Amino acid sequence: MKTMDRIAILTLLTAALVGARGCGGVQATRAEARERATKTTCDRYADCKLIGPGLTYENRDACEIAWRSTFDGMWPSADCEGRIDGKAFDVCLDRIGSTACEGFDFITTLGLCSKQNVCIGVATDGGTD
């Protein structure tokens, strides 16, 4: 294959991937998604006045460490790297931001943010299609 043909193919693939990101396709790397979800979650805990001495998290760092680890476990690299569904991830972030401060609303939120919902091509048995 000639160099010009390779460049043309790479250009088309890049354009397709950029277009897919705007249409609910792959939106972000797993690490970017984890960081955004962590920030959104800890912002919600702060809004609910659950960060501080004697509260759910002693400080913002403790919240971020805990949730970064949680999202790492929820979205394993082997299943989710390069497979974050843009629309489903946006639904997850919106849901995190609107989770009730009291009660069991977080269970629904975790369901909407599950690997099966957020990672493209993940089967319900936990593997990939």
C-alpha atoms as a PDB file:
ATOM      1  CA  MET A   1       0.000   0.000   0.000  1.00  0.00           C
ATOM      2  CA  LYS A   2       1.338   3.401  -0.984  1.00  0.00           C
ATOM      3  CA  THR A   3       1.997   6.040   1.652  1.00  0.00           C
ATOM      4  CA  MET A   4      -0.660   8.326   0.150  1.00  0.00           C
ATOM      5  CA  ASP A   5      -3.247   5.518   0.357  1.00  0.00           C
ATOM      6  CA  ARG A   6      -2.385   4.952   4.024  1.00  0.00           C
ATOM      7  CA  ILE A   7      -2.731   8.662   4.772  1.00  0.00           C
ATOM      8  CA  ALA A   8      -6.107   8.773   3.026  1.00  0.00           C
ATOM      9  CA  ILE A   9      -7.355   5.746   4.983  1.00  0.00           C
ATOM     10  CA  LEU A  10      -6.115   7.176   8.292  1.00  0.00           C
ATOM     11  CA  THR A  11      -7.780  10.504   7.496  1.00  0.00           C
ATOM     12  CA  LEU A  12     -11.099   8.769   6.784  1.00  0.00           C
ATOM     13  CA  LEU A  13     -10.858   6.678   9.949  1.00  0.00           C
ATOM     14  CA  THR A  14     -10.062   9.752  12.031  1.00  0.00           C
ATOM     15  CA  ALA A  15     -13.017  11.634  10.543  1.00  0.00           C
ATOM     16  CA  ALA A  16     -15.308   8.668  11.238  1.00  0.00           C
ATOM     17  CA  LEU A  17     -14.179   8.442  14.850  1.00  0.00           C
ATOM     18  CA  VAL A  18     -14.598  12.176  15.399  1.00  0.00           C
ATOM     19  CA  GLY A  19     -18.087  11.977  13.879  1.00  0.00           C
ATOM     20  CA  ALA A  20     -18.984   8.998  16.078  1.00  0.00           C
ATOM     21  CA  ARG A  21     -18.018  10.940  19.196  1.00  0.00           C
ATOM     22  CA  GLY A  22     -20.674  13.529  18.402  1.00  0.00           C
ATOM     23  CA  CYS A  23     -23.344  10.892  17.773  1.00  0.00           C
ATOM     24  CA  GLY A  24     -23.103   8.947  21.013  1.00  0.00           C
ATOM     25  CA  GLY A  25     -20.182   6.788  19.896  1.00  0.00           C
ATOM     26  CA  VAL A  26     -16.910   6.515  21.757  1.00  0.00           C
ATOM     27  CA  GLN A  27     -16.668   9.731  23.742  1.00  0.00           C
ATOM     28  CA  ALA A  28     -13.622   9.564  25.951  1.00  0.00           C
ATOM     29  CA  THR A  29     -10.902   7.293  27.172  1.00  0.00           C
ATOM     30  CA  ARG A  30     -11.767   5.210  30.184  1.00  0.00           C
ATOM     31  CA  ALA A  31      -9.436   7.348  32.314  1.00  0.00           C
ATOM     32  CA  GLU A  32     -11.112  10.576  31.137  1.00  0.00           C
ATOM     33  CA  ALA A  33     -14.538   9.094  31.869  1.00  0.00           C
ATOM     34  CA  ARG A  34     -13.377   7.940  35.307  1.00  0.00           C
ATOM     35  CA  GLU A  35     -12.059  11.409  36.153  1.00  0.00           C
ATOM     36  CA  ARG A  36     -15.229  13.179  34.977  1.00  0.00           C
ATOM     37  CA  ALA A  37     -17.450  10.736  36.870  1.00  0.00           C
ATOM     38  CA  THR A  38     -15.286  11.096  39.991  1.00  0.00           C
ATOM     39  CA  LYS A  39     -15.495  14.904  39.858  1.00  0.00           C
ATOM     40  CA  THR A  40     -19.256  14.849  39.257  1.00  0.00           C
ATOM     41  CA  THR A  41     -19.799  12.380  42.107  1.00  0.00           C
ATOM     42  CA  CYS A  42     -17.722  14.339  44.608  1.00  0.00           C
ATOM     43  CA  ASP A  43     -19.380  17.585  43.493  1.00  0.00           C
ATOM     44  CA  ARG A  44     -22.713  15.922  44.318  1.00  0.00           C
ATOM     45  CA  TYR A  45     -21.459  14.767  47.734  1.00  0.00           C
ATOM     46  CA  ALA A  46     -20.300  18.343  48.403  1.00  0.00           C
ATOM     47  CA  ASP A  47     -23.682  19.760  47.291  1.00  0.00           C
ATOM     48  CA  CYS A  48     -25.364  17.322  49.677  1.00  0.00           C
ATOM     49  CA  LYS A  49     -23.095  18.523  52.497  1.00  0.00           C
ATOM     50  CA  LEU A  50     -21.576  15.037  52.913  1.00  0.00           C
ATOM     51  CA  ILE A  51     -17.910  16.032  52.788  1.00  0.00           C
ATOM     52  CA  GLY A  52     -16.242  17.234  55.968  1.00  0.00           C
ATOM     53  CA  PRO A  53     -15.084  16.056  59.384  1.00  0.00           C
ATOM     54  CA  GLY A  54     -17.354  13.300  60.685  1.00  0.00           C
ATOM     55  CA  LEU A  55     -19.323  13.062  57.424  1.00  0.00           C
ATOM     56  CA  THR A  56     -19.312  10.462  54.629  1.00  0.00           C
ATOM     57  CA  TYR A  57     -15.896  11.697  53.438  1.00  0.00           C
ATOM     58  CA  GLU A  58     -13.512  13.642  55.668  1.00  0.00           C
ATOM     59  CA  ASN A  59     -12.382  15.819  52.752  1.00  0.00           C
ATOM     60  CA  ARG A  60     -12.546  16.159  48.961  1.00  0.00           C
ATOM     61  CA  ASP A  61      -9.399  14.069  48.460  1.00  0.00           C
ATOM     62  CA  ALA A  62     -10.908  11.139  50.373  1.00  0.00           C
ATOM     63  CA  CYS A  63     -14.029  11.320  48.203  1.00  0.00           C
ATOM     64  CA  GLU A  64     -12.010  11.416  44.984  1.00  0.00           C
ATOM     65  CA  ILE A  65      -9.764   8.525  46.000  1.00  0.00           C
ATOM     66  CA  ALA A  66     -12.767   6.363  46.892  1.00  0.00           C
ATOM     67  CA  TRP A  67     -14.762   7.127  43.738  1.00  0.00           C
ATOM     68  CA  ARG A  68     -11.793   6.922  41.380  1.00  0.00           C
ATOM     69  CA  SER A  69     -11.255   3.417  42.716  1.00  0.00           C
ATOM     70  CA  THR A  70     -14.975   2.614  42.393  1.00  0.00           C
ATOM     71  CA  PHE A  71     -15.108   3.703  38.741  1.00  0.00           C
ATOM     72  CA  ASP A  72     -11.856   1.851  38.017  1.00  0.00           C
ATOM     73  CA  GLY A  73     -13.561  -1.301  39.270  1.00  0.00           C
ATOM     74  CA  MET A  74     -16.835  -0.594  37.470  1.00  0.00           C
ATOM     75  CA  TRP A  75     -15.175   0.080  34.113  1.00  0.00           C
ATOM     76  CA  PRO A  76     -12.195  -2.310  33.793  1.00  0.00           C
ATOM     77  CA  SER A  77      -9.678  -1.358  31.141  1.00  0.00           C
ATOM     78  CA  ALA A  78      -9.993  -4.732  29.379  1.00  0.00           C
ATOM     79  CA  ASP A  79     -13.723  -4.158  28.828  1.00  0.00           C
ATOM     80  CA  CYS A  80     -14.015  -0.390  28.533  1.00  0.00           C
ATOM     81  CA  GLU A  81     -10.859   1.229  27.155  1.00  0.00           C
ATOM     82  CA  GLY A  82     -11.842   2.907  23.902  1.00  0.00           C
ATOM     83  CA  ARG A  83     -15.457   1.798  24.405  1.00  0.00           C
ATOM     84  CA  ILE A  84     -17.120   4.557  26.462  1.00  0.00           C
ATOM     85  CA  ASP A  85     -20.565   5.196  24.942  1.00  0.00           C
ATOM     86  CA  GLY A  86     -20.994   8.975  24.747  1.00  0.00           C
ATOM     87  CA  LYS A  87     -24.753   9.128  25.195  1.00  0.00           C
ATOM     88  CA  ALA A  88     -24.860   6.506  27.953  1.00  0.00           C
ATOM     89  CA  PHE A  89     -21.982   8.220  29.755  1.00  0.00           C
ATOM     90  CA  ASP A  90     -23.795  11.565  29.580  1.00  0.00           C
ATOM     91  CA  VAL A  91     -26.892   9.885  31.077  1.00  0.00           C
ATOM     92  CA  CYS A  92     -24.674   8.503  33.849  1.00  0.00           C
ATOM     93  CA  LEU A  93     -23.203  11.939  34.617  1.00  0.00           C
ATOM     94  CA  ASP A  94     -26.634  13.592  34.560  1.00  0.00           C
ATOM     95  CA  ARG A  95     -27.968  10.939  36.924  1.00  0.00           C
ATOM     96  CA  ILE A  96     -25.032  11.364  39.310  1.00  0.00           C
ATOM     97  CA  GLY A  97     -25.703  15.097  39.400  1.00  0.00           C
ATOM     98  CA  SER A  98     -29.364  14.583  40.245  1.00  0.00           C
ATOM     99  CA  THR A  99     -29.077  11.713  42.720  1.00  0.00           C
ATOM    100  CA  ALA A 100     -31.079  12.368  45.877  1.00  0.00           C
ATOM    101  CA  CYS A 101     -28.979  13.263  48.893  1.00  0.00           C
ATOM    102  CA  GLU A 102     -30.875  10.854  51.136  1.00  0.00           C
ATOM    103  CA  GLY A 103     -32.227   7.371  50.608  1.00  0.00           C
ATOM    104  CA  PHE A 104     -31.382   4.590  48.194  1.00  0.00           C
ATOM    105  CA  ASP A 105     -31.387   6.624  44.989  1.00  0.00           C
ATOM    106  CA  PHE A 106     -27.688   5.830  44.529  1.00  0.00           C
ATOM    107  CA  ILE A 107     -28.568   2.221  43.575  1.00  0.00           C
ATOM    108  CA  THR A 108     -30.398   3.457  40.473  1.00  0.00           C
ATOM    109  CA  THR A 109     -27.497   5.768  39.699  1.00  0.00           C
ATOM    110  CA  LEU A 110     -24.967   2.953  39.927  1.00  0.00           C
ATOM    111  CA  GLY A 111     -27.152   0.870  37.610  1.00  0.00           C
ATOM    112  CA  LEU A 112     -27.225   3.613  34.971  1.00  0.00           C
ATOM    113  CA  CYS A 113     -23.452   3.974  35.310  1.00  0.00           C
ATOM    114  CA  SER A 114     -22.721   0.244  35.125  1.00  0.00           C
ATOM    115  CA  LYS A 115     -20.228  -1.273  32.725  1.00  0.00           C
ATOM    116  CA  GLN A 116     -23.079  -2.827  30.755  1.00  0.00           C
ATOM    117  CA  ASN A 117     -24.593   0.622  30.163  1.00  0.00           C
ATOM    118  CA  VAL A 118     -21.508   2.779  29.736  1.00  0.00           C
ATOM    119  CA  CYS A 119     -19.097   0.519  27.836  1.00  0.00           C
ATOM    120  CA  ILE A 120     -19.942  -0.280  24.207  1.00  0.00           C
ATOM    121  CA  GLY A 121     -20.157  -3.971  23.370  1.00  0.00           C
ATOM    122  CA  VAL A 122     -20.216  -5.320  26.932  1.00  0.00           C
ATOM    123  CA  ALA A 123     -22.522  -8.315  27.328  1.00  0.00           C
ATOM    124  CA  THR A 124     -24.854  -8.617  30.294  1.00  0.00           C
ATOM    125  CA  ASP A 125     -22.741 -11.526  31.594  1.00  0.00           C
ATOM    126  CA  GLY A 126     -19.865  -9.069  32.083  1.00  0.00           C
ATOM    127  CA  GLY A 127     -17.811 -10.158  29.081  1.00  0.00           C
ATOM    128  CA  THR A 128     -17.609  -8.417  25.740  1.00  0.00           C
ATOM    129  CA  ASP A 129     -19.691  -9.221  22.693  1.00  0.00           C
END
